[in-house]
Amino acid sequence: MTNEKYMNMIRNNPYVIDRIENPSEEMQLLAVQMNGLALQYIKKPSRKPPSPTRRGPSNSSTIPRKTCSCKPSSPAGTT
C-alpha cells in the first residue's frame, strides 16, 4: 500500500495507526493531530517537538477578550 493511501486512512480514522506496521513519523504526527488519543497506539513515539508552524498561539494576549458593558446590579434588598 502506498504512503498516500495510509495517510488517507489515517485522515478518516486516526486509530488505524495501530494497524500500520512501522508507520512513518509523518503518519504518526497526522494521527495525533487528528486525535490526540491516537498517541496511545504509537509504539515508538518521536521525542521531536512539534514544528512552530503547527503550534497554536504561544501568547494568550493575542486572543481577543470580550468586554462587558453592563452595569453591576445593586445588592438584593437595596434600591
Protein backbone atom coordinates (compact mmCIF):
# COMPACT_ATOMS: atom_id res chain seq x y z
CA MET A 1 0.00 0.00 0.00
CA THR A 2 1.29 3.48 -0.80
CA ASN A 3 2.10 6.13 1.76
CA GLU A 4 -0.72 8.36 0.46
CA LYS A 5 -3.29 5.59 0.93
CA TYR A 6 -2.16 5.17 4.53
CA MET A 7 -2.41 8.93 5.06
CA ASN A 8 -5.98 8.93 3.72
CA MET A 9 -6.87 6.04 6.01
CA ILE A 10 -5.47 7.97 8.98
CA ARG A 11 -7.44 11.09 7.97
CA ASN A 12 -10.62 9.00 8.03
CA ASN A 13 -9.79 7.20 11.28
CA PRO A 14 -6.66 8.16 13.27
CA TYR A 15 -6.88 4.93 15.30
CA VAL A 16 -5.88 2.92 12.21
CA ILE A 17 -2.30 3.90 13.13
CA ASP A 18 -2.43 0.88 15.47
CA ARG A 19 -2.76 -1.46 12.47
CA ILE A 20 0.08 0.03 10.38
CA GLU A 21 3.38 -1.77 10.75
CA ASN A 22 6.23 0.73 11.22
CA PRO A 23 4.30 3.93 10.45
CA SER A 24 6.40 6.86 9.30
CA GLU A 25 6.83 9.89 11.54
CA GLU A 26 4.57 11.81 9.15
CA MET A 27 1.81 9.22 9.66
CA GLN A 28 2.26 9.33 13.43
CA LEU A 29 2.04 13.13 13.52
CA LEU A 30 -1.08 13.13 11.36
CA ALA A 31 -2.80 10.57 13.57
CA VAL A 32 -2.05 12.54 16.74
CA GLN A 33 -3.07 15.84 15.13
CA MET A 34 -6.38 14.32 14.06
CA ASN A 35 -7.00 12.86 17.53
CA GLY A 36 -4.53 13.15 20.40
CA LEU A 37 -5.78 9.90 21.91
CA ALA A 38 -4.22 8.05 18.97
CA LEU A 39 -0.88 8.60 20.72
CA GLN A 40 -1.56 5.54 22.87
CA TYR A 41 -1.31 3.34 19.75
CA ILE A 42 2.08 4.63 18.63
CA LYS A 43 4.68 2.15 19.79
CA LYS A 44 7.76 4.34 19.35
CA PRO A 45 6.67 7.99 19.60
CA SER A 46 9.06 10.66 18.38
CA ARG A 47 10.68 12.86 21.01
CA LYS A 48 10.97 15.67 18.47
CA PRO A 49 8.94 18.76 19.46
CA PRO A 50 6.26 19.93 17.02
CA SER A 51 7.32 22.47 14.44
CA PRO A 52 6.42 26.11 15.20
CA THR A 53 4.04 26.24 12.22
CA ARG A 54 1.86 23.54 13.77
CA ARG A 55 1.55 25.10 17.20
CA GLY A 56 -1.28 27.32 18.32
CA PRO A 57 -0.72 30.85 19.63
CA SER A 58 2.02 30.87 22.23
CA ASN A 59 0.91 34.14 23.80
CA SER A 60 -2.56 34.25 25.31
CA SER A 61 -2.60 38.04 24.95
CA THR A 62 -3.10 37.58 21.20
CA ILE A 63 -6.59 36.18 21.85
CA PRO A 64 -9.15 38.99 21.82
CA ARG A 65 -11.09 39.28 25.06
CA LYS A 66 -14.76 40.18 25.24
CA THR A 67 -15.69 43.10 27.43
CA CYS A 68 -18.96 43.58 29.23
CA SER A 69 -20.60 47.00 29.13
CA CYS A 70 -23.31 46.10 31.64
CA LYS A 71 -23.63 47.94 34.93
CA PRO A 72 -23.29 45.98 38.18
CA SER A 73 -26.62 45.21 39.80
CA SER A 74 -27.42 46.53 43.23
CA PRO A 75 -27.38 44.04 46.14
CA ALA A 76 -30.62 42.27 46.99
CA GLY A 77 -32.98 44.30 49.18
CA THR A 78 -31.49 47.68 48.28
CA THR A 79 -32.76 50.04 45.64
